[in-house]
PDB file of N, CA and C in Angstrom:
ATOM      1  N   MET A   1      -5.454  18.647  -6.115  1.00  0.00           N
ATOM      2  CA  MET A   1      -6.103  17.147  -6.005  1.00  0.00           C
ATOM      3  C   MET A   1      -7.283  17.564  -5.297  1.00  0.00           C
ATOM      4  N   THR A   2      -8.029  16.898  -5.938  1.00  0.00           N
ATOM      5  CA  THR A   2      -9.583  16.800  -5.445  1.00  0.00           C
ATOM      6  C   THR A   2      -9.672  15.506  -4.354  1.00  0.00           C
ATOM      7  N   ALA A   3     -10.656  15.834  -3.815  1.00  0.00           N
ATOM      8  CA  ALA A   3     -10.954  14.897  -2.976  1.00  0.00           C
ATOM      9  C   ALA A   3     -11.155  13.802  -2.841  1.00  0.00           C
ATOM     10  N   ALA A   4     -12.106  13.242  -4.099  1.00  0.00           N
ATOM     11  CA  ALA A   4     -11.672  11.784  -5.303  1.00  0.00           C
ATOM     12  C   ALA A   4     -10.312  11.363  -5.363  1.00  0.00           C
ATOM     13  N   ASP A   5      -9.813  12.607  -6.140  1.00  0.00           N
ATOM     14  CA  ASP A   5      -8.322  11.778  -6.748  1.00  0.00           C
ATOM     15  C   ASP A   5      -7.753  11.348  -5.192  1.00  0.00           C
ATOM     16  N   ALA A   6      -7.788  11.842  -4.006  1.00  0.00           N
ATOM     17  CA  ALA A   6      -6.917  11.462  -3.163  1.00  0.00           C
ATOM     18  C   ALA A   6      -7.544  10.182  -2.741  1.00  0.00           C
ATOM     19  N   ARG A   7      -9.167   9.848  -2.481  1.00  0.00           N
ATOM     20  CA  ARG A   7      -9.528   8.821  -2.058  1.00  0.00           C
ATOM     21  C   ARG A   7      -9.153   7.372  -3.125  1.00  0.00           C
ATOM     22  N   GLU A   8      -8.627   7.765  -4.535  1.00  0.00           N
ATOM     23  CA  GLU A   8      -8.665   6.836  -5.421  1.00  0.00           C
ATOM     24  C   GLU A   8      -7.427   6.450  -5.339  1.00  0.00           C
ATOM     25  N   ARG A   9      -6.245   7.614  -4.926  1.00  0.00           N
ATOM     26  CA  ARG A   9      -4.880   7.055  -4.564  1.00  0.00           C
ATOM     27  C   ARG A   9      -4.409   6.443  -3.493  1.00  0.00           C
ATOM     28  N   ILE A  10      -5.179   6.729  -2.188  1.00  0.00           N
ATOM     29  CA  ILE A  10      -5.676   6.042  -0.942  1.00  0.00           C
ATOM     30  C   ILE A  10      -5.953   4.262  -1.783  1.00  0.00           C
ATOM     31  N   ALA A  11      -6.695   4.735  -2.096  1.00  0.00           N
ATOM     32  CA  ALA A  11      -7.198   3.481  -2.719  1.00  0.00           C
ATOM     33  C   ALA A  11      -6.329   2.238  -2.826  1.00  0.00           C
ATOM     34  N   ARG A  12      -5.812   2.635  -4.064  1.00  0.00           N
ATOM     35  CA  ARG A  12      -4.399   2.009  -4.914  1.00  0.00           C
ATOM     36  C   ARG A  12      -3.082   1.827  -4.124  1.00  0.00           C
ATOM     37  N   TYR A  13      -3.046   3.080  -3.747  1.00  0.00           N
ATOM     38  CA  TYR A  13      -1.909   2.534  -1.893  1.00  0.00           C
ATOM     39  C   TYR A  13      -1.855   1.424  -1.218  1.00  0.00           C
ATOM     40  N   GLU A  14      -2.909   1.714  -0.755  1.00  0.00           N
ATOM     41  CA  GLU A  14      -3.649   0.750   0.133  1.00  0.00           C
ATOM     42  C   GLU A  14      -3.102  -0.748  -0.304  1.00  0.00           C
ATOM     43  N   ALA A  15      -3.535  -1.049  -1.693  1.00  0.00           N
ATOM     44  CA  ALA A  15      -4.200  -2.357  -2.129  1.00  0.00           C
ATOM     45  C   ALA A  15      -2.532  -2.763  -2.637  1.00  0.00           C
ATOM     46  N   ARG A  16      -1.502  -1.699  -2.761  1.00  0.00           N
ATOM     47  CA  ARG A  16      -0.319  -1.949  -3.090  1.00  0.00           C
ATOM     48  C   ARG A  16       0.287  -2.502  -1.944  1.00  0.00           C
ATOM     49  N   ALA A  17       0.098  -1.587  -0.440  1.00  0.00           N
ATOM     50  CA  ALA A  17       0.777  -2.015   0.855  1.00  0.00           C
ATOM     51  C   ALA A  17       0.022  -3.282   1.114  1.00  0.00           C
ATOM     52  N   ALA A  18      -1.117  -3.991   1.004  1.00  0.00           N
ATOM     53  CA  ALA A  18      -1.662  -4.908   1.212  1.00  0.00           C
ATOM     54  C   ALA A  18      -0.985  -6.220   0.182  1.00  0.00           C
ATOM     55  N   ARG A  19      -0.352  -5.797  -0.635  1.00  0.00           N
ATOM     56  CA  ARG A  19       0.505  -6.849  -1.378  1.00  0.00           C
ATOM     57  C   ARG A  19       1.808  -6.611  -0.936  1.00  0.00           C
ATOM     58  N   ALA A  20       2.435  -5.788  -0.668  1.00  0.00           N
ATOM     59  CA  ALA A  20       3.711  -5.772  -0.186  1.00  0.00           C
ATOM     60  C   ALA A  20       3.806  -6.230   0.774  1.00  0.00           C
ATOM     61  N   ASP A  21       2.565  -5.876   2.082  1.00  0.00           N
ATOM     62  CA  ASP A  21       2.875  -6.794   3.544  1.00  0.00           C
ATOM     63  C   ASP A  21       2.470  -8.231   3.055  1.00  0.00           C
ATOM     64  N   LYS A  22       1.674  -9.068   1.893  1.00  0.00           N
ATOM     65  CA  LYS A  22       1.921 -10.341   2.211  1.00  0.00           C
ATOM     66  C   LYS A  22       3.110 -10.861   1.115  1.00  0.00           C
ATOM     67  N   THR A  23       3.167 -10.066   0.626  1.00  0.00           N
ATOM     68  CA  THR A  23       4.948 -10.771   0.207  1.00  0.00           C
ATOM     69  C   THR A  23       5.781 -10.353   1.093  1.00  0.00           C
ATOM     70  N   LEU A  24       6.266  -9.213   2.064  1.00  0.00           N
ATOM     71  CA  LEU A  24       6.657  -9.505   3.381  1.00  0.00           C
ATOM     72  C   LEU A  24       6.117 -10.763   4.334  1.00  0.00           C
ATOM     73  N   ALA A  25       5.499 -11.163   4.274  1.00  0.00           N
ATOM     74  CA  ALA A  25       4.832 -12.446   5.245  1.00  0.00           C
ATOM     75  C   ALA A  25       5.360 -13.297   4.931  1.00  0.00           C
ATOM     76  N   ASP A  26       5.191 -13.933   3.723  1.00  0.00           N
ATOM     77  CA  ASP A  26       5.928 -14.958   2.660  1.00  0.00           C
ATOM     78  C   ASP A  26       7.437 -15.022   3.269  1.00  0.00           C
ATOM     79  N   TYR A  27       8.105 -14.357   2.592  1.00  0.00           N
ATOM     80  CA  TYR A  27       9.156 -13.414   2.958  1.00  0.00           C
ATOM     81  C   TYR A  27       9.819 -14.076   4.507  1.00  0.00           C
ATOM     82  N   ARG A  28       9.280 -13.750   5.292  1.00  0.00           N
ATOM     83  CA  ARG A  28       9.686 -14.127   6.682  1.00  0.00           C
ATOM     84  C   ARG A  28       8.980 -15.424   6.875  1.00  0.00           C
ATOM     85  N   ARG A  29       7.746 -15.823   6.567  1.00  0.00           N
ATOM     86  CA  ARG A  29       7.630 -17.670   6.652  1.00  0.00           C
ATOM     87  C   ARG A  29       8.767 -18.076   5.858  1.00  0.00           C
ATOM     88  N   THR A  30       9.147 -18.183   4.638  1.00  0.00           N
ATOM     89  CA  THR A  30      10.397 -18.780   4.483  1.00  0.00           C
ATOM     90  C   THR A  30      11.496 -18.679   4.851  1.00  0.00           C
ATOM     91  N   LEU A  31      11.952 -17.729   5.022  1.00  0.00           N
ATOM     92  CA  LEU A  31      13.167 -17.239   5.741  1.00  0.00           C
ATOM     93  C   LEU A  31      14.122 -18.337   6.463  1.00  0.00           C
ATOM     94  N   PRO A  32      13.261 -19.148   7.505  1.00  0.00           N
ATOM     95  CA  PRO A  32      13.907 -20.269   8.386  1.00  0.00           C
ATOM     96  C   PRO A  32      14.370 -21.270   7.090  1.00  0.00           C
ATOM     97  N   THR A  33      13.671 -21.505   6.212  1.00  0.00           N
ATOM     98  CA  THR A  33      14.154 -22.617   5.299  1.00  0.00           C
ATOM     99  C   THR A  33      15.346 -22.094   4.351  1.00  0.00           C
ATOM    100  N   TYR A  34      14.926 -21.197   4.027  1.00  0.00           N
ATOM    101  CA  TYR A  34      16.457 -20.631   3.154  1.00  0.00           C
ATOM    102  C   TYR A  34      17.595 -20.967   4.361  1.00  0.00           C
ATOM    103  N   ARG A  35      17.170 -20.302   5.522  1.00  0.00           N
ATOM    104  CA  ARG A  35      18.672 -20.780   6.224  1.00  0.00           C
ATOM    105  C   ARG A  35      18.987 -21.810   6.602  1.00  0.00           C
ATOM    106  N   ARG A  36      18.271 -22.887   6.571  1.00  0.00           N
ATOM    107  CA  ARG A  36      18.256 -24.398   6.695  1.00  0.00           C
ATOM    108  C   ARG A  36      19.423 -24.641   5.312  1.00  0.00           C
ATOM    109  N   VAL A  37      18.280 -24.538   4.050  1.00  0.00           N
ATOM    110  CA  VAL A  37      19.279 -24.713   3.060  1.00  0.00           C
ATOM    111  C   VAL A  37      20.490 -24.112   2.868  1.00  0.00           C
ATOM    112  N   PHE A  38      21.073 -23.201   2.812  1.00  0.00           N
ATOM    113  CA  PHE A  38      22.253 -22.416   2.928  1.00  0.00           C
ATOM    114  C   PHE A  38      22.851 -22.978   4.187  1.00  0.00           C
ATOM    115  N   ALA A  39      23.000 -23.108   4.766  1.00  0.00           N
ATOM    116  CA  ALA A  39      23.578 -23.703   5.689  1.00  0.00           C
ATOM    117  C   ALA A  39      23.880 -25.759   5.414  1.00  0.00           C
ATOM    118  N   ALA A  40      22.873 -25.784   5.088  1.00  0.00           N
ATOM    119  CA  ALA A  40      23.436 -27.442   4.458  1.00  0.00           C
ATOM    120  C   ALA A  40      24.350 -26.942   3.402  1.00  0.00           C
ATOM    121  N   LEU A  41      24.176 -26.314   2.224  1.00  0.00           N
ATOM    122  CA  LEU A  41      24.790 -26.104   1.145  1.00  0.00           C
ATOM    123  C   LEU A  41      26.412 -25.918   1.488  1.00  0.00           C
ATOM    124  N   LEU A  42      26.479 -25.131   2.761  1.00  0.00           N
ATOM    125  CA  LEU A  42      27.753 -25.020   3.365  1.00  0.00           C
ATOM    126  C   LEU A  42      28.364 -26.107   4.036  1.00  0.00           C
ATOM    127  N   VAL A  43      28.040 -26.931   4.532  1.00  0.00           N
ATOM    128  CA  VAL A  43      28.287 -27.909   5.202  1.00  0.00           C
ATOM    129  C   VAL A  43      28.385 -29.213   3.983  1.00  0.00           C
ATOM    130  N   PHE A  44      27.732 -29.538   3.302  1.00  0.00           N
ATOM    131  CA  PHE A  44      28.165 -29.818   1.835  1.00  0.00           C
ATOM    132  C   PHE A  44      29.617 -29.726   1.299  1.00  0.00           C
ATOM    133  N   GLY A  45      29.744 -28.243   1.020  1.00  0.00           N
ATOM    134  CA  GLY A  45      30.547 -27.931   0.638  1.00  0.00           C
ATOM    135  C   GLY A  45      31.847 -28.151   1.596  1.00  0.00           C
ATOM    136  N   VAL A  46      31.850 -28.049   2.901  1.00  0.00           N
ATOM    137  CA  VAL A  46      33.126 -28.412   3.917  1.00  0.00           C
ATOM    138  C   VAL A  46      33.117 -30.167   3.609  1.00  0.00           C
ATOM    139  N   ALA A  47      32.184 -30.259   3.344  1.00  0.00           N
ATOM    140  CA  ALA A  47      32.457 -32.278   3.640  1.00  0.00           C
ATOM    141  C   ALA A  47      33.018 -32.572   2.302  1.00  0.00           C
ATOM    142  N   CYS A  48      32.572 -32.074   1.245  1.00  0.00           N
ATOM    143  CA  CYS A  48      33.477 -32.125  -0.217  1.00  0.00           C
ATOM    144  C   CYS A  48      34.899 -32.742   0.245  1.00  0.00           C
ATOM    145  N   PHE A  49      35.353 -31.834   1.455  1.00  0.00           N
ATOM    146  CA  PHE A  49      37.348 -32.332   1.033  1.00  0.00           C
ATOM    147  C   PHE A  49      37.008 -33.538   1.179  1.00  0.00           C
ATOM    148  N   GLY A  50      36.801 -34.694   1.219  1.00  0.00           N
ATOM    149  CA  GLY A  50      36.823 -35.766   1.712  1.00  0.00           C
ATOM    150  C   GLY A  50      37.108 -36.315  -0.043  1.00  0.00           C
ATOM    151  N   LEU A  51      37.014 -35.323  -1.290  1.00  0.00           N
ATOM    152  CA  LEU A  51      37.190 -35.837  -2.455  1.00  0.00           C
ATOM    153  C   LEU A  51      38.711 -35.652  -2.431  1.00  0.00           C
ATOM    154  N   GLY A  52      38.661 -34.745  -2.098  1.00  0.00           N
ATOM    155  CA  GLY A  52      40.870 -34.291  -1.971  1.00  0.00           C
ATOM    156  C   GLY A  52      40.865 -33.000  -1.515  1.00  0.00           C
ATOM    157  N   ARG A  53      42.317 -32.689  -1.399  1.00  0.00           N
ATOM    158  CA  ARG A  53      42.238 -30.853  -1.055  1.00  0.00           C
ATOM    159  C   ARG A  53      41.589 -29.855  -2.165  1.00  0.00           C
ATOM    160  N   LEU A  54      42.278 -30.181  -3.337  1.00  0.00           N
ATOM    161  CA  LEU A  54      41.678 -29.106  -4.431  1.00  0.00           C
ATOM    162  C   LEU A  54      40.862 -29.014  -4.474  1.00  0.00           C
ATOM    163  N   PRO A  55      39.795 -30.417  -4.814  1.00  0.00           N
ATOM    164  CA  PRO A  55      38.461 -30.434  -5.215  1.00  0.00           C
ATOM    165  C   PRO A  55      37.473 -29.806  -4.232  1.00  0.00           C
ATOM    166  N   GLY A  56      38.042 -29.995  -2.928  1.00  0.00           N
ATOM    167  CA  GLY A  56      37.307 -29.617  -1.345  1.00  0.00           C
ATOM    168  C   GLY A  56      37.448 -28.309  -1.850  1.00  0.00           C
ATOM    169  N   LEU A  57      38.808 -27.617  -1.455  1.00  0.00           N
ATOM    170  CA  LEU A  57      38.695 -26.364  -1.555  1.00  0.00           C
ATOM    171  C   LEU A  57      37.765 -25.351  -2.411  1.00  0.00           C
ATOM    172  N   TRP A  58      37.721 -26.404  -3.793  1.00  0.00           N
ATOM    173  CA  TRP A  58      37.112 -25.268  -4.956  1.00  0.00           C
ATOM    174  C   TRP A  58      35.405 -25.332  -4.334  1.00  0.00           C
ATOM    175  N   ALA A  59      35.189 -26.700  -3.993  1.00  0.00           N
ATOM    176  CA  ALA A  59      33.988 -27.502  -3.367  1.00  0.00           C
ATOM    177  C   ALA A  59      33.131 -26.022  -2.571  1.00  0.00           C
ATOM    178  N   THR A  60      34.339 -26.016  -1.149  1.00  0.00           N
ATOM    179  CA  THR A  60      34.004 -24.805   0.344  1.00  0.00           C
ATOM    180  C   THR A  60      33.908 -23.688  -0.534  1.00  0.00           C
ATOM    181  N   VAL A  61      34.848 -23.291  -1.037  1.00  0.00           N
ATOM    182  CA  VAL A  61      34.833 -21.596  -1.659  1.00  0.00           C
ATOM    183  C   VAL A  61      33.500 -21.778  -2.274  1.00  0.00           C
ATOM    184  N   SER A  62      32.957 -21.925  -3.596  1.00  0.00           N
ATOM    185  CA  SER A  62      31.651 -22.118  -4.078  1.00  0.00           C
ATOM    186  C   SER A  62      30.537 -22.693  -2.967  1.00  0.00           C
ATOM    187  N   ALA A  63      30.685 -23.360  -2.409  1.00  0.00           N
ATOM    188  CA  ALA A  63      30.069 -23.116  -1.324  1.00  0.00           C
ATOM    189  C   ALA A  63      29.298 -21.931  -0.493  1.00  0.00           C
ATOM    190  N   VAL A  64      30.571 -20.982   0.012  1.00  0.00           N
ATOM    191  CA  VAL A  64      30.703 -20.217   0.687  1.00  0.00           C
ATOM    192  C   VAL A  64      30.075 -18.758  -0.260  1.00  0.00           C
ATOM    193  N   VAL A  65      30.552 -18.518  -1.263  1.00  0.00           N
ATOM    194  CA  VAL A  65      29.854 -17.664  -2.397  1.00  0.00           C
ATOM    195  C   VAL A  65      28.785 -17.654  -2.379  1.00  0.00           C
ATOM    196  N   ILE A  66      28.046 -19.097  -2.895  1.00  0.00           N
ATOM    197  CA  ILE A  66      26.789 -19.112  -2.949  1.00  0.00           C
ATOM    198  C   ILE A  66      25.737 -19.105  -1.754  1.00  0.00           C
ATOM    199  N   SER A  67      25.877 -19.310  -0.559  1.00  0.00           N
ATOM    200  CA  SER A  67      25.482 -19.466   0.282  1.00  0.00           C
ATOM    201  C   SER A  67      25.446 -18.153   0.746  1.00  0.00           C
ATOM    202  N   GLY A  68      26.443 -17.416   1.243  1.00  0.00           N
ATOM    203  CA  GLY A  68      26.605 -16.094   1.424  1.00  0.00           C
ATOM    204  C   GLY A  68      26.401 -15.425   0.384  1.00  0.00           C
ATOM    205  N   GLY A  69      26.290 -15.321  -0.916  1.00  0.00           N
ATOM    206  CA  GLY A  69      25.546 -14.401  -2.246  1.00  0.00           C
ATOM    207  C   GLY A  69      23.893 -14.523  -1.943  1.00  0.00           C
ATOM    208  N   GLY A  70      23.336 -15.784  -1.699  1.00  0.00           N
ATOM    209  CA  GLY A  70      22.001 -15.927  -1.715  1.00  0.00           C
ATOM    210  C   GLY A  70      21.229 -15.784  -0.657  1.00  0.00           C
ATOM    211  N   TYR A  71      22.115 -15.564   0.645  1.00  0.00           N
ATOM    212  CA  TYR A  71      21.867 -15.309   2.079  1.00  0.00           C
ATOM    213  C   TYR A  71      21.242 -13.639   2.166  1.00  0.00           C
ATOM    214  N   ALA A  72      22.401 -13.212   1.667  1.00  0.00           N
ATOM    215  CA  ALA A  72      22.305 -11.924   1.349  1.00  0.00           C
ATOM    216  C   ALA A  72      21.388 -11.168   0.159  1.00  0.00           C
ATOM    217  N   MET A  73      21.094 -11.893  -0.545  1.00  0.00           N
ATOM    218  CA  MET A  73      20.601 -11.371  -1.897  1.00  0.00           C
ATOM    219  C   MET A  73      18.791 -11.352  -1.098  1.00  0.00           C
ATOM    220  N   LEU A  74      18.683 -12.133  -0.400  1.00  0.00           N
ATOM    221  CA  LEU A  74      17.014 -12.771   0.323  1.00  0.00           C
ATOM    222  C   LEU A  74      17.398 -11.579   1.444  1.00  0.00           C
ATOM    223  N   LEU A  75      18.323 -11.435   2.376  1.00  0.00           N
ATOM    224  CA  LEU A  75      18.143 -10.232   2.751  1.00  0.00           C
ATOM    225  C   LEU A  75      17.870  -8.708   2.603  1.00  0.00           C
ATOM    226  N   GLY A  76      18.738  -8.441   1.106  1.00  0.00           N
ATOM    227  CA  GLY A  76      18.335  -7.458   0.249  1.00  0.00           C
ATOM    228  C   GLY A  76      16.910  -6.897   0.173  1.00  0.00           C
ATOM    229  N   ARG A  77      16.658  -8.097  -0.221  1.00  0.00           N
ATOM    230  CA  ARG A  77      15.102  -8.285  -0.817  1.00  0.00           C
ATOM    231  C   ARG A  77      14.263  -7.930   0.322  1.00  0.00           C
ATOM    232  N   LEU A  78      14.481  -8.686   1.569  1.00  0.00           N
ATOM    233  CA  LEU A  78      13.464  -8.486   2.432  1.00  0.00           C
ATOM    234  C   LEU A  78      13.623  -7.196   3.542  1.00  0.00           C
ATOM    235  N   TRP A  79      14.772  -6.457   2.940  1.00  0.00           N
ATOM    236  CA  TRP A  79      14.965  -5.229   3.317  1.00  0.00           C
ATOM    237  C   TRP A  79      14.038  -4.113   2.259  1.00  0.00           C
ATOM    238  N   GLU A  80      14.119  -4.518   1.154  1.00  0.00           N
ATOM    239  CA  GLU A  80      13.326  -3.767   0.363  1.00  0.00           C
ATOM    240  C   GLU A  80      12.356  -3.904   0.112  1.00  0.00           C
ATOM    241  N   VAL A  81      11.709  -5.192   0.643  1.00  0.00           N
ATOM    242  CA  VAL A  81      10.080  -5.042   0.752  1.00  0.00           C
ATOM    243  C   VAL A  81       9.753  -4.473   1.829  1.00  0.00           C
ATOM    244  N   GLU A  82      10.327  -4.276   3.121  1.00  0.00           N
ATOM    245  CA  GLU A  82      10.038  -3.743   4.264  1.00  0.00           C
ATOM    246  C   GLU A  82       9.551  -2.090   3.922  1.00  0.00           C
ATOM    247  N   ALA A  83      10.985  -1.577   2.864  1.00  0.00           N
ATOM    248  CA  ALA A  83      11.192  -0.424   2.988  1.00  0.00           C
ATOM    249  C   ALA A  83      10.159   0.218   2.248  1.00  0.00           C
ATOM    250  N   ASP A  84       9.319  -0.942   0.890  1.00  0.00           N
ATOM    251  CA  ASP A  84       8.376  -0.462   0.300  1.00  0.00           C
ATOM    252  C   ASP A  84       7.145  -0.041   0.959  1.00  0.00           C
ATOM    253  N   VAL A  85       6.762  -1.483   2.345  1.00  0.00           N
ATOM    254  CA  VAL A  85       5.953  -0.723   2.492  1.00  0.00           C
ATOM    255  C   VAL A  85       5.471   0.273   3.974  1.00  0.00           C
ATOM    256  N   THR A  86       6.754   0.636   4.413  1.00  0.00           N
ATOM    257  CA  THR A  86       7.000   1.742   5.194  1.00  0.00           C
ATOM    258  C   THR A  86       7.064   2.997   4.613  1.00  0.00           C
ATOM    259  N   ALA A  87       7.195   3.119   2.759  1.00  0.00           N
ATOM    260  CA  ALA A  87       7.303   4.374   2.053  1.00  0.00           C
ATOM    261  C   ALA A  87       5.828   4.364   1.922  1.00  0.00           C
ATOM    262  N   THR A  88       4.733   3.146   1.384  1.00  0.00           N
ATOM    263  CA  THR A  88       3.933   3.527   1.235  1.00  0.00           C
ATOM    264  C   THR A  88       2.854   3.732   2.611  1.00  0.00           C
ATOM    265  N   ARG A  89       3.041   3.220   3.415  1.00  0.00           N
ATOM    266  CA  ARG A  89       2.279   3.548   4.324  1.00  0.00           C
ATOM    267  C   ARG A  89       2.458   4.949   4.864  1.00  0.00           C
ATOM    268  N   HIS A  90       3.458   5.584   4.768  1.00  0.00           N
ATOM    269  CA  HIS A  90       4.162   7.175   4.782  1.00  0.00           C
ATOM    270  C   HIS A  90       3.371   7.649   3.983  1.00  0.00           C
ATOM    271  N   GLU A  91       3.119   7.628   2.432  1.00  0.00           N
ATOM    272  CA  GLU A  91       1.969   8.303   1.746  1.00  0.00           C
ATOM    273  C   GLU A  91       0.741   8.196   1.667  1.00  0.00           C
ATOM    274  N   ILE A  92       0.461   6.959   2.068  1.00  0.00           N
ATOM    275  CA  ILE A  92      -1.292   7.108   2.829  1.00  0.00           C
ATOM    276  C   ILE A  92      -1.385   7.918   3.857  1.00  0.00           C
ATOM    277  N   ALA A  93      -0.522   7.860   5.122  1.00  0.00           N
ATOM    278  CA  ALA A  93      -0.697   9.021   5.637  1.00  0.00           C
ATOM    279  C   ALA A  93      -0.151  10.523   5.075  1.00  0.00           C
ATOM    280  N   GLN A  94       0.486  10.695   4.563  1.00  0.00           N
ATOM    281  CA  GLN A  94       0.787  12.209   3.829  1.00  0.00           C
ATOM    282  C   GLN A  94      -0.898  12.377   3.017  1.00  0.00           C
ATOM    283  N   LEU A  95      -1.210  11.441   2.381  1.00  0.00           N
ATOM    284  CA  LEU A  95      -2.812  11.689   1.635  1.00  0.00           C
ATOM    285  C   LEU A  95      -3.519  11.870   2.851  1.00  0.00           C
ATOM    286  N   ARG A  96      -3.633  11.364   3.186  1.00  0.00           N
ATOM    287  CA  ARG A  96      -4.851  11.722   4.862  1.00  0.00           C
ATOM    288  C   ARG A  96      -4.713  12.727   5.414  1.00  0.00           C
ATOM    289  N   ARG A  97      -4.025  13.476   5.040  1.00  0.00           N
ATOM    290  CA  ARG A  97      -3.591  14.753   5.560  1.00  0.00           C
ATOM    291  C   ARG A  97      -4.624  15.548   5.240  1.00  0.00           C
ATOM    292  N   PRO A  98      -5.180  16.754   6.117  1.00  0.00           N
ATOM    293  CA  PRO A  98      -5.467  18.102   5.179  1.00  0.00           C
ATOM    294  C   PRO A  98      -4.952  19.071   4.709  1.00  0.00           C
ATOM    295  N   ALA A  99      -5.323  19.638   3.749  1.00  0.00           N
ATOM    296  CA  ALA A  99      -4.660  20.369   2.850  1.00  0.00           C
ATOM    297  C   ALA A  99      -3.847  21.736   3.816  1.00  0.00           C
ATOM    298  N   PRO A 100      -3.217  21.944   3.690  1.00  0.00           N
ATOM    299  CA  PRO A 100      -3.134  23.307   4.674  1.00  0.00           C
ATOM    300  C   PRO A 100      -3.907  24.541   3.680  1.00  0.00           C
ATOM    301  N   PRO A 101      -4.415  25.548   4.738  1.00  0.00           N
ATOM    302  CA  PRO A 101      -5.336  26.354   3.931  1.00  0.00           C
ATOM    303  C   PRO A 101      -4.574  27.328   2.936  1.00  0.00           C
TER     304      PRO A 101
END
């Protein structure tokens, strides 16, 4: 690989890392809102016991599954973006290393 190729790849990786950093910052910024929404959904599901035992049970189970699944997917996506940023930064560091003789 020539030095020009390496510089071009570094520039592409840095742009990708910048986009991933922005996405990660957006996820971290909105995470408290998602936590509140999922908690409110869970409280709403439990409050549905006022409709009766069976409808309340179904509403609670549904709320738990939806809240838990949604929150787990959100954390999984957050972890995935963090791993992408780390891998991209590692690749940039590898490309900047001088080639062995």
